[in-house]
C-alpha cells in the first residue's frame, strides 16, 4: 500500500487545525470602565468665588466617585452612563479595551 495518501491526509488535517487555531483576537470595549487622564477646571460658585475641580488619572467604573474638589475629600459626581459617555466623547477618558 502506498503511504502517500496517508501523508497527504495527515498534512491536510494539520493544516486545517493550524488554520482554526490562528484566529484573530477580538477587541471589544468595556462599557463600564474607562481610563482617564489628568484634567482640571475651575467652576464658578458665585459671582466672586470659584473652586478647582480635578479629575485624577486612573481607571473609573460605573458607581465610582469622580471629579474631586481640589485639596478636599469632596467629590462632585458619581460615574453613571451619561457622564461616562460625555467624558469619553470629550477626550478626557477612553474606554478600556478587553482582549479576549
Protein backbone atom coordinates (compact mmCIF):
# COMPACT_ATOMS: atom_id res chain seq x y z
CA UNK A 1 0.00 0.00 0.00
CA UNK A 2 1.30 3.42 -0.96
CA UNK A 3 1.86 5.74 2.11
CA UNK A 4 1.45 8.91 0.03
CA UNK A 5 -2.37 9.26 0.52
CA UNK A 6 -1.99 8.84 4.30
CA UNK A 7 0.71 11.51 4.41
CA UNK A 8 -1.47 13.90 2.37
CA UNK A 9 -4.45 13.34 4.68
CA UNK A 10 -2.18 13.93 7.69
CA UNK A 11 -0.83 17.18 6.18
CA UNK A 12 -4.31 18.44 5.31
CA UNK A 13 -5.51 17.66 8.84
CA UNK A 14 -2.57 19.52 10.39
CA UNK A 15 -3.13 22.50 8.07
CA UNK A 16 -6.82 22.60 8.99
CA UNK A 17 -6.01 22.54 12.73
CA UNK A 18 -3.46 25.35 12.29
CA UNK A 19 -5.98 27.49 10.44
CA UNK A 20 -8.54 27.03 13.19
CA UNK A 21 -6.04 27.91 15.91
CA UNK A 22 -4.89 31.12 14.19
CA UNK A 23 -7.99 33.19 14.80
CA UNK A 24 -7.54 36.93 15.20
CA UNK A 25 -8.02 38.42 18.63
CA UNK A 26 -11.28 40.24 19.05
CA UNK A 27 -11.09 43.60 20.79
CA UNK A 28 -14.19 44.93 22.46
CA UNK A 29 -14.78 47.97 24.59
CA UNK A 30 -15.67 47.77 28.21
CA UNK A 31 -18.93 49.64 28.64
CA UNK A 32 -18.48 50.04 32.38
CA UNK A 33 -14.88 51.23 32.91
CA UNK A 34 -12.72 53.94 31.38
CA UNK A 35 -9.11 55.12 31.59
CA UNK A 36 -8.84 58.86 32.29
CA UNK A 37 -6.06 61.43 32.04
CA UNK A 38 -5.26 64.24 34.48
CA UNK A 39 -7.64 67.13 33.94
CA UNK A 40 -8.77 70.12 35.99
CA UNK A 41 -11.01 73.09 35.51
CA UNK A 42 -12.40 76.00 37.50
CA UNK A 43 -16.08 76.07 38.37
CA UNK A 44 -17.78 79.27 39.45
CA UNK A 45 -19.61 79.08 42.79
CA UNK A 46 -21.00 82.61 42.84
CA UNK A 47 -20.02 85.99 41.38
CA UNK A 48 -16.83 86.28 43.43
CA UNK A 49 -15.60 82.75 44.09
CA UNK A 50 -14.77 79.54 42.32
CA UNK A 51 -13.43 76.05 43.03
CA UNK A 52 -10.90 73.96 41.12
CA UNK A 53 -12.25 70.56 40.14
CA UNK A 54 -9.78 67.76 39.48
CA UNK A 55 -10.04 64.54 37.52
CA UNK A 56 -7.07 62.40 38.56
CA UNK A 57 -5.56 59.98 36.06
CA UNK A 58 -6.79 56.46 36.60
CA UNK A 59 -9.47 53.90 35.90
CA UNK A 60 -13.06 54.77 36.75
CA UNK A 61 -16.07 52.46 36.60
CA UNK A 62 -19.81 52.97 36.93
CA UNK A 63 -20.64 53.92 40.51
CA UNK A 64 -17.21 55.42 41.30
CA UNK A 65 -16.82 58.92 42.70
CA UNK A 66 -15.29 61.27 40.14
CA UNK A 67 -14.34 64.97 39.88
CA UNK A 68 -12.82 65.88 43.25
CA UNK A 69 -12.71 69.44 44.61
CA UNK A 70 -9.01 70.32 44.82
CA UNK A 71 -7.40 70.00 48.28
CA UNK A 72 -10.52 68.40 49.81
CA UNK A 73 -12.09 64.96 50.09
CA UNK A 74 -15.28 66.21 48.46
CA UNK A 75 -16.41 64.64 45.20
CA UNK A 76 -18.93 66.24 42.87
CA UNK A 77 -20.20 63.32 40.79
CA UNK A 78 -20.80 59.59 40.80
CA UNK A 79 -19.99 57.91 37.49
CA UNK A 80 -23.11 56.97 35.56
CA UNK A 81 -23.78 56.05 31.92
CA UNK A 82 -24.41 59.59 30.69
CA UNK A 83 -21.30 61.01 32.39
CA UNK A 84 -19.23 58.11 31.08
CA UNK A 85 -20.39 58.82 27.51
CA UNK A 86 -19.79 62.57 27.90
CA UNK A 87 -16.22 62.45 29.16
CA UNK A 88 -15.18 59.79 26.64
CA UNK A 89 -16.59 61.85 23.78
CA UNK A 90 -14.74 64.95 25.07
CA UNK A 91 -11.41 63.11 25.04
CA UNK A 92 -10.62 63.24 28.76
CA UNK A 93 -11.07 59.47 29.04
CA UNK A 94 -11.20 56.44 26.78
CA UNK A 95 -12.85 53.06 27.02
CA UNK A 96 -10.67 50.23 28.26
CA UNK A 97 -10.30 47.53 25.64
CA UNK A 98 -10.59 43.90 26.63
CA UNK A 99 -8.62 41.37 24.62
CA UNK A 100 -10.44 38.04 24.54
